[in-house]
C-alpha atoms as a PDB file:
ATOM      1  CA  MET A   1     -23.149 -21.501  73.727  1.00  0.00           C
ATOM      2  CA  PRO A   2     -23.053 -20.018  69.643  1.00  0.00           C
ATOM      3  CA  LYS A   3     -25.934 -21.883  67.530  1.00  0.00           C
ATOM      4  CA  GLN A   4     -24.508 -24.258  65.313  1.00  0.00           C
ATOM      5  CA  LYS A   5     -24.670 -23.758  61.611  1.00  0.00           C
ATOM      6  CA  ILE A   6     -26.766 -26.967  59.989  1.00  0.00           C
ATOM      7  CA  LEU A   7     -23.614 -27.075  57.370  1.00  0.00           C
ATOM      8  CA  SER A   8     -20.108 -25.968  58.220  1.00  0.00           C
ATOM      9  CA  PHE A   9     -16.957 -25.982  56.195  1.00  0.00           C
ATOM     10  CA  ASP A  10     -14.927 -25.529  59.314  1.00  0.00           C
ATOM     11  CA  PHE A  11     -12.571 -28.600  58.310  1.00  0.00           C
ATOM     12  CA  ILE A  12     -10.946 -25.931  56.570  1.00  0.00           C
ATOM     13  CA  GLN A  13      -9.591 -24.741  59.357  1.00  0.00           C
ATOM     14  CA  SER A  14      -7.178 -27.676  59.643  1.00  0.00           C
ATOM     15  CA  PHE A  15      -5.009 -26.256  57.313  1.00  0.00           C
ATOM     16  CA  HIS A  16      -4.294 -23.530  58.985  1.00  0.00           C
ATOM     17  CA  ASN A  17      -4.311 -24.847  62.941  1.00  0.00           C
ATOM     18  CA  ASN A  18      -4.784 -28.686  63.102  1.00  0.00           C
ATOM     19  CA  GLU A  19      -4.729 -28.528  67.122  1.00  0.00           C
ATOM     20  CA  THR A  20      -8.134 -26.140  67.392  1.00  0.00           C
ATOM     21  CA  PHE A  21      -9.750 -28.522  64.813  1.00  0.00           C
ATOM     22  CA  TYR A  22      -8.953 -31.696  65.909  1.00  0.00           C
ATOM     23  CA  GLU A  23      -9.995 -30.162  69.597  1.00  0.00           C
ATOM     24  CA  LYS A  24     -13.228 -29.126  68.077  1.00  0.00           C
ATOM     25  CA  ILE A  25     -14.245 -32.600  66.578  1.00  0.00           C
ATOM     26  CA  THR A  26     -13.569 -34.801  69.499  1.00  0.00           C
ATOM     27  CA  ASP A  27     -15.160 -32.257  71.650  1.00  0.00           C
ATOM     28  CA  GLU A  28     -17.658 -34.416  73.730  1.00  0.00           C
ATOM     29  CA  LYS A  29     -20.206 -31.336  73.576  1.00  0.00           C
ATOM     30  CA  GLN A  30     -19.992 -30.829  69.812  1.00  0.00           C
ATOM     31  CA  VAL A  31     -19.507 -34.337  68.288  1.00  0.00           C
ATOM     32  CA  LYS A  32     -22.722 -35.262  67.510  1.00  0.00           C
ATOM     33  CA  PHE A  33     -22.957 -32.061  65.678  1.00  0.00           C
ATOM     34  CA  GLU A  34     -19.486 -32.640  63.966  1.00  0.00           C
ATOM     35  CA  ILE A  35     -20.759 -36.136  63.215  1.00  0.00           C
ATOM     36  CA  VAL A  36     -23.838 -34.916  61.274  1.00  0.00           C
ATOM     37  CA  ASN A  37     -22.125 -32.080  59.636  1.00  0.00           C
ATOM     38  CA  HIS A  38     -19.170 -34.450  58.432  1.00  0.00           C
ATOM     39  CA  LEU A  39     -21.742 -37.006  57.093  1.00  0.00           C
ATOM     40  CA  LEU A  40     -23.395 -34.207  54.942  1.00  0.00           C
ATOM     41  CA  LEU A  41     -20.071 -32.894  53.718  1.00  0.00           C
ATOM     42  CA  LEU A  42     -19.038 -36.500  52.419  1.00  0.00           C
ATOM     43  CA  LEU A  43     -22.739 -36.999  50.673  1.00  0.00           C
ATOM     44  CA  ILE A  44     -22.336 -33.739  49.204  1.00  0.00           C
ATOM     45  CA  PHE A  45     -19.128 -33.758  47.810  1.00  0.00           C
ATOM     46  CA  SER A  46     -18.959 -37.524  46.793  1.00  0.00           C
ATOM     47  CA  MET A  47     -22.344 -37.004  45.194  1.00  0.00           C
ATOM     48  CA  VAL A  48     -20.838 -34.312  43.110  1.00  0.00           C
ATOM     49  CA  TYR A  49     -17.824 -36.261  41.885  1.00  0.00           C
ATOM     50  CA  GLY A  50     -19.930 -39.157  41.301  1.00  0.00           C
ATOM     51  CA  ALA A  51     -22.236 -37.164  38.800  1.00  0.00           C
ATOM     52  CA  ILE A  52     -19.003 -35.610  37.270  1.00  0.00           C
ATOM     53  CA  MET A  53     -17.785 -39.298  36.554  1.00  0.00           C
ATOM     54  CA  GLY A  54     -21.095 -40.642  35.125  1.00  0.00           C
ATOM     55  CA  SER A  55     -21.585 -37.519  33.091  1.00  0.00           C
ATOM     56  CA  TYR A  56     -18.775 -39.154  30.573  1.00  0.00           C
ATOM     57  CA  ASN A  57     -21.301 -41.652  29.202  1.00  0.00           C
ATOM     58  CA  GLY A  58     -24.670 -39.199  29.786  1.00  0.00           C
ATOM     59  CA  TRP A  59     -27.157 -38.217  32.453  1.00  0.00           C
ATOM     60  CA  LEU A  60     -28.566 -41.685  33.177  1.00  0.00           C
ATOM     61  CA  GLN A  61     -24.687 -42.963  34.478  1.00  0.00           C
ATOM     62  CA  SER A  62     -24.088 -39.340  35.563  1.00  0.00           C
ATOM     63  CA  LEU A  63     -27.409 -40.263  38.157  1.00  0.00           C
ATOM     64  CA  SER A  64     -26.581 -43.567  38.933  1.00  0.00           C
ATOM     65  CA  SER A  65     -22.781 -42.563  39.818  1.00  0.00           C
ATOM     66  CA  ALA A  66     -24.170 -39.529  41.809  1.00  0.00           C
ATOM     67  CA  VAL A  67     -26.180 -42.404  44.264  1.00  0.00           C
ATOM     68  CA  LYS A  68     -23.576 -44.923  43.944  1.00  0.00           C
ATOM     69  CA  MET A  69     -20.218 -42.864  45.022  1.00  0.00           C
ATOM     70  CA  PRO A  70     -21.867 -41.706  48.503  1.00  0.00           C
ATOM     71  CA  MET A  71     -23.018 -45.647  48.989  1.00  0.00           C
ATOM     72  CA  LEU A  72     -19.574 -46.697  48.379  1.00  0.00           C
ATOM     73  CA  PHE A  73     -18.209 -44.633  50.885  1.00  0.00           C
ATOM     74  CA  LEU A  74     -20.761 -45.140  53.587  1.00  0.00           C
ATOM     75  CA  LEU A  75     -20.433 -49.051  53.144  1.00  0.00           C
ATOM     76  CA  ILE A  76     -16.701 -49.056  53.335  1.00  0.00           C
ATOM     77  CA  ILE A  77     -17.123 -47.278  56.445  1.00  0.00           C
ATOM     78  CA  LEU A  78     -19.892 -49.592  57.753  1.00  0.00           C
ATOM     79  CA  ILE A  79     -17.621 -52.728  56.781  1.00  0.00           C
ATOM     80  CA  CYS A  80     -14.466 -51.738  58.159  1.00  0.00           C
ATOM     81  CA  PHE A  81     -15.245 -49.674  61.218  1.00  0.00           C
ATOM     82  CA  PRO A  82     -16.551 -52.152  63.738  1.00  0.00           C
ATOM     83  CA  ALA A  83     -13.771 -54.510  63.927  1.00  0.00           C
ATOM     84  CA  PHE A  84     -11.461 -51.253  63.912  1.00  0.00           C
ATOM     85  CA  PHE A  85     -13.002 -49.809  66.894  1.00  0.00           C
ATOM     86  CA  VAL A  86     -13.216 -52.916  68.815  1.00  0.00           C
ATOM     87  CA  ILE A  87      -9.503 -53.450  68.181  1.00  0.00           C
ATOM     88  CA  GLN A  88      -8.490 -50.042  69.387  1.00  0.00           C
ATOM     89  CA  THR A  89     -10.493 -50.291  72.585  1.00  0.00           C
ATOM     90  CA  VAL A  90      -8.416 -53.562  73.377  1.00  0.00           C
ATOM     91  CA  LEU A  91      -5.551 -52.004  72.774  1.00  0.00           C
ATOM     92  CA  GLY A  92      -6.166 -49.206  75.186  1.00  0.00           C
ATOM     93  CA  SER A  93      -8.192 -46.303  73.464  1.00  0.00           C
ATOM     94  CA  LYS A  94     -10.222 -44.058  75.339  1.00  0.00           C
ATOM     95  CA  LEU A  95     -12.053 -42.603  72.369  1.00  0.00           C
ATOM     96  CA  THR A  96     -15.652 -42.931  72.461  1.00  0.00           C
ATOM     97  CA  ILE A  97     -17.478 -44.578  69.408  1.00  0.00           C
ATOM     98  CA  SER A  98     -18.625 -40.820  68.391  1.00  0.00           C
ATOM     99  CA  GLN A  99     -15.376 -39.385  68.863  1.00  0.00           C
ATOM    100  CA  MET A 100     -13.761 -42.197  66.607  1.00  0.00           C
ATOM    101  CA  ILE A 101     -16.737 -41.876  64.183  1.00  0.00           C
ATOM    102  CA  SER A 102     -16.156 -38.440  64.012  1.00  0.00           C
ATOM    103  CA  ILE A 103     -12.430 -38.552  63.216  1.00  0.00           C
ATOM    104  CA  ILE A 104     -13.127 -41.205  60.757  1.00  0.00           C
ATOM    105  CA  LEU A 105     -15.646 -38.951  58.818  1.00  0.00           C
ATOM    106  CA  ILE A 106     -13.220 -36.279  58.365  1.00  0.00           C
ATOM    107  CA  GLY A 107     -10.588 -38.095  56.692  1.00  0.00           C
ATOM    108  CA  PHE A 108     -13.535 -39.248  54.268  1.00  0.00           C
ATOM    109  CA  VAL A 109     -14.342 -35.508  54.257  1.00  0.00           C
ATOM    110  CA  PHE A 110     -10.955 -34.565  53.291  1.00  0.00           C
ATOM    111  CA  MET A 111     -10.595 -37.163  50.519  1.00  0.00           C
ATOM    112  CA  THR A 112     -13.928 -36.119  48.882  1.00  0.00           C
ATOM    113  CA  CYS A 113     -13.612 -32.362  49.019  1.00  0.00           C
ATOM    114  CA  ILE A 114      -9.630 -32.997  47.258  1.00  0.00           C
ATOM    115  CA  MET A 115     -11.441 -35.405  44.421  1.00  0.00           C
ATOM    116  CA  VAL A 116     -14.131 -32.793  43.713  1.00  0.00           C
ATOM    117  CA  SER A 117     -10.962 -30.241  43.602  1.00  0.00           C
ATOM    118  CA  PHE A 118     -10.049 -32.127  40.439  1.00  0.00           C
ATOM    119  CA  SER A 119     -13.094 -31.504  38.643  1.00  0.00           C
ATOM    120  CA  THR A 120     -11.974 -29.144  35.919  1.00  0.00           C
ATOM    121  CA  ILE A 121      -9.250 -31.471  35.365  1.00  0.00           C
ATOM    122  CA  VAL A 122     -11.325 -34.327  34.607  1.00  0.00           C
ATOM    123  CA  ALA A 123     -13.554 -32.138  32.680  1.00  0.00           C
ATOM    124  CA  PHE A 124     -10.750 -30.646  30.615  1.00  0.00           C
ATOM    125  CA  PHE A 125      -9.616 -34.282  29.668  1.00  0.00           C
ATOM    126  CA  MET A 126     -13.302 -35.798  29.123  1.00  0.00           C
ATOM    127  CA  ILE A 127     -13.896 -32.653  26.446  1.00  0.00           C
ATOM    128  CA  THR A 128     -10.423 -33.300  24.885  1.00  0.00           C
ATOM    129  CA  GLY A 129      -9.981 -36.822  24.556  1.00  0.00           C
ATOM    130  CA  ASP A 130     -12.257 -39.767  24.297  1.00  0.00           C
ATOM    131  CA  ASN A 131      -9.907 -42.677  25.845  1.00  0.00           C
ATOM    132  CA  TYR A 132     -12.262 -44.559  28.182  1.00  0.00           C
ATOM    133  CA  ALA A 133      -9.204 -46.567  29.739  1.00  0.00           C
ATOM    134  CA  PHE A 134      -7.367 -43.205  30.208  1.00  0.00           C
ATOM    135  CA  ILE A 135     -10.443 -41.448  31.806  1.00  0.00           C
ATOM    136  CA  LYS A 136     -10.899 -44.676  34.239  1.00  0.00           C
ATOM    137  CA  LEU A 137      -7.048 -44.359  34.991  1.00  0.00           C
ATOM    138  CA  LEU A 138      -7.607 -41.360  35.540  1.00  0.00           C
ATOM    139  CA  HIS A 139     -10.017 -41.341  38.301  1.00  0.00           C
ATOM    140  CA  VAL A 140      -8.419 -44.365  39.554  1.00  0.00           C
ATOM    141  CA  GLY A 141      -5.275 -41.738  40.163  1.00  0.00           C
ATOM    142  CA  ILE A 142      -7.501 -38.974  41.359  1.00  0.00           C
ATOM    143  CA  ILE A 143      -9.217 -41.106  44.143  1.00  0.00           C
ATOM    144  CA  VAL A 144      -5.678 -42.474  45.223  1.00  0.00           C
ATOM    145  CA  ILE A 145      -3.997 -39.053  45.639  1.00  0.00           C
ATOM    146  CA  ALA A 146      -7.120 -38.273  47.678  1.00  0.00           C
ATOM    147  CA  GLY A 147      -7.020 -41.287  50.016  1.00  0.00           C
ATOM    148  CA  PHE A 148      -3.749 -40.542  50.851  1.00  0.00           C
ATOM    149  CA  PHE A 149      -4.658 -37.121  51.851  1.00  0.00           C
ATOM    150  CA  GLY A 150      -8.044 -37.967  53.740  1.00  0.00           C
ATOM    151  CA  MET A 151      -6.165 -40.913  55.618  1.00  0.00           C
ATOM    152  CA  ARG A 152      -3.247 -38.552  56.810  1.00  0.00           C
ATOM    153  CA  ALA A 153      -5.803 -36.330  58.119  1.00  0.00           C
ATOM    154  CA  ILE A 154      -7.350 -39.162  60.187  1.00  0.00           C
ATOM    155  CA  VAL A 155      -3.643 -40.453  61.528  1.00  0.00           C
ATOM    156  CA  GLU A 156      -2.868 -36.597  62.503  1.00  0.00           C
ATOM    157  CA  ALA A 157      -5.914 -36.495  64.411  1.00  0.00           C
ATOM    158  CA  LEU A 158      -5.255 -40.092  66.274  1.00  0.00           C
ATOM    159  CA  LYS A 159      -1.967 -38.470  66.878  1.00  0.00           C
ATOM    160  CA  TYR A 160      -3.338 -35.065  68.272  1.00  0.00           C
ATOM    161  CA  SER A 161      -5.666 -37.388  70.416  1.00  0.00           C
ATOM    162  CA  CYS A 162      -2.467 -39.631  71.798  1.00  0.00           C
ATOM    163  CA  GLU A 163       0.428 -36.618  72.083  1.00  0.00           C
ATOM    164  CA  LYS A 164      -2.077 -33.745  73.241  1.00  0.00           C
ATOM    165  CA  LYS A 165      -5.070 -35.514  74.951  1.00  0.00           C
ATOM    166  CA  ASN A 166      -3.904 -38.522  76.017  1.00  0.00           C
ATOM    167  CA  ILE A 167      -6.962 -40.528  75.261  1.00  0.00           C
ATOM    168  CA  TYR A 168      -5.282 -42.670  72.510  1.00  0.00           C
ATOM    169  CA  PRO A 169      -2.636 -45.335  72.432  1.00  0.00           C
ATOM    170  CA  LYS A 170       0.789 -44.863  70.171  1.00  0.00           C
ATOM    171  CA  THR A 171       0.137 -48.668  68.927  1.00  0.00           C
ATOM    172  CA  GLY A 172      -2.983 -47.396  67.889  1.00  0.00           C
ATOM    173  CA  VAL A 173      -1.731 -45.104  65.582  1.00  0.00           C
ATOM    174  CA  GLN A 174       0.177 -47.541  63.780  1.00  0.00           C
ATOM    175  CA  VAL A 175      -2.257 -50.209  63.823  1.00  0.00           C
ATOM    176  CA  PHE A 176      -4.583 -47.709  62.086  1.00  0.00           C
ATOM    177  CA  LYS A 177      -1.935 -47.531  59.074  1.00  0.00           C
ATOM    178  CA  VAL A 178      -2.073 -50.903  58.771  1.00  0.00           C
ATOM    179  CA  TRP A 179      -6.053 -50.553  58.475  1.00  0.00           C
ATOM    180  CA  ILE A 180      -5.805 -48.312  55.736  1.00  0.00           C
ATOM    181  CA  LEU A 181      -4.605 -51.066  53.910  1.00  0.00           C
ATOM    182  CA  ILE A 182      -7.431 -53.308  54.644  1.00  0.00           C
ATOM    183  CA  LEU A 183      -9.959 -50.393  53.681  1.00  0.00           C
ATOM    184  CA  ALA A 184      -8.445 -49.821  50.523  1.00  0.00           C
ATOM    185  CA  PHE A 185      -8.976 -53.647  49.677  1.00  0.00           C
ATOM    186  CA  VAL A 186     -12.374 -53.085  50.688  1.00  0.00           C
ATOM    187  CA  GLY A 187     -13.257 -50.290  48.678  1.00  0.00           C
ATOM    188  CA  ALA A 188     -11.500 -51.872  45.560  1.00  0.00           C
ATOM    189  CA  GLN A 189     -13.699 -54.530  45.999  1.00  0.00           C
ATOM    190  CA  LEU A 190     -16.788 -52.788  46.644  1.00  0.00           C
ATOM    191  CA  SER A 191     -16.111 -50.248  43.507  1.00  0.00           C
ATOM    192  CA  TRP A 192     -15.948 -53.429  41.501  1.00  0.00           C
ATOM    193  CA  SER A 193     -19.288 -54.910  42.763  1.00  0.00           C
ATOM    194  CA  LEU A 194     -20.998 -51.358  42.271  1.00  0.00           C
ATOM    195  CA  ARG A 195     -19.501 -50.639  38.707  1.00  0.00           C
ATOM    196  CA  PRO A 196     -19.964 -48.753  36.238  1.00  0.00           C
ATOM    197  CA  PHE A 197     -19.440 -45.217  37.577  1.00  0.00           C
ATOM    198  CA  ILE A 198     -17.784 -44.024  34.478  1.00  0.00           C
ATOM    199  CA  GLY A 199     -19.838 -46.319  31.886  1.00  0.00           C
ATOM    200  CA  THR A 200     -18.559 -47.431  28.293  1.00  0.00           C
ATOM    201  CA  LYS A 201     -19.809 -45.530  25.353  1.00  0.00           C
ATOM    202  CA  ASP A 202     -20.008 -48.775  23.151  1.00  0.00           C
ATOM    203  CA  ILE A 203     -23.073 -50.413  25.572  1.00  0.00           C
ATOM    204  CA  PRO A 204     -26.171 -49.131  26.865  1.00  0.00           C
ATOM    205  CA  PHE A 205     -26.461 -47.961  30.084  1.00  0.00           C
ATOM    206  CA  GLN A 206     -26.185 -50.299  32.969  1.00  0.00           C
ATOM    207  CA  LEU A 207     -26.772 -49.629  36.697  1.00  0.00           C
ATOM    208  CA  LEU A 208     -24.900 -52.602  37.332  1.00  0.00           C
ATOM    209  CA  ARG A 209     -22.875 -54.797  35.548  1.00  0.00           C
ATOM    210  CA  GLN A 210     -22.236 -58.900  35.802  1.00  0.00           C
ATOM    211  CA  LYS A 211     -19.993 -60.401  38.413  1.00  0.00           C
ATOM    212  CA  GLY A 212     -16.593 -61.309  36.977  1.00  0.00           C
ATOM    213  CA  GLY A 213     -13.187 -60.142  36.653  1.00  0.00           C
ATOM    214  CA  ASN A 214     -11.506 -58.266  39.588  1.00  0.00           C
ATOM    215  CA  PHE A 215     -10.389 -54.251  39.755  1.00  0.00           C
ATOM    216  CA  TYR A 216      -6.908 -54.944  39.550  1.00  0.00           C
ATOM    217  CA  VAL A 217      -6.624 -56.768  36.102  1.00  0.00           C
ATOM    218  CA  ASP A 218      -9.036 -54.263  34.830  1.00  0.00           C
ATOM    219  CA  VAL A 219      -6.749 -51.327  35.775  1.00  0.00           C
ATOM    220  CA  LEU A 220      -3.720 -53.355  34.128  1.00  0.00           C
ATOM    221  CA  LYS A 221      -6.050 -53.501  30.998  1.00  0.00           C
ATOM    222  CA  SER A 222      -6.754 -49.910  31.397  1.00  0.00           C
ATOM    223  CA  MET A 223      -3.052 -48.796  31.260  1.00  0.00           C
ATOM    224  CA  ALA A 224      -2.741 -51.330  28.235  1.00  0.00           C
ATOM    225  CA  GLY A 225      -5.930 -49.387  26.516  1.00  0.00           C
ATOM    226  CA  ILE A 226      -4.221 -46.017  26.820  1.00  0.00           C
ATOM    227  CA  PHE A 227      -2.275 -46.625  23.997  1.00  0.00           C
ATOM    228  CA  ASP A 228      -5.140 -48.236  21.827  1.00  0.00           C
ATOM    229  CA  PRO A 229      -6.572 -45.297  19.710  1.00  0.00           C
ATOM    230  CA  LYS A 230     -10.058 -47.522  19.662  1.00  0.00           C
ATOM    231  CA  ARG A 231     -10.337 -47.500  23.597  1.00  0.00           C
END
């Protein structure tokens, strides 16, 4: 067996050959390596994007967000994965816990990779404008778009396990689509608890803010703030 690279970007292969890639990430002989590799990629991509988010409000916020962004994604997985795995097993899934973790991680790798690909656009708007509300909504939009493609990658991997390997139930694919909504709500609440990620220039640097309000109200306020030249 050829020596594995410590860090591999082979997930890009799925853009060209889904079946080969999905077979690889669920191969019991390689799954442990794939988990470590995808975990490293997730940490790198999320740290880079977090640093870019925080750079709007200086280097301290950039450093803070570079740490909190990977923490956010890891906590989302830790909180949501156990219930999902048990339910899938009850439904008849034959995927091992290692195979399932590998599949879930690749979705988040896709998500964070796409987020980083928007970095130049984020930089452009931070340089040419100074509307905090708009910058917040821009990041929310990017994360939503990236999340769609990331979750789509997981669904495709589960479909492959169902249709090609016959180790995953069709019902499980539909249940996962519901789980995506739960994951989104958990992610929104966690991001609110770990805020700020961008940080407003009107107040000194804060590692964490006091509890109060919620993510959805803040999004609505930011939408209104786009048209306020003072924000």
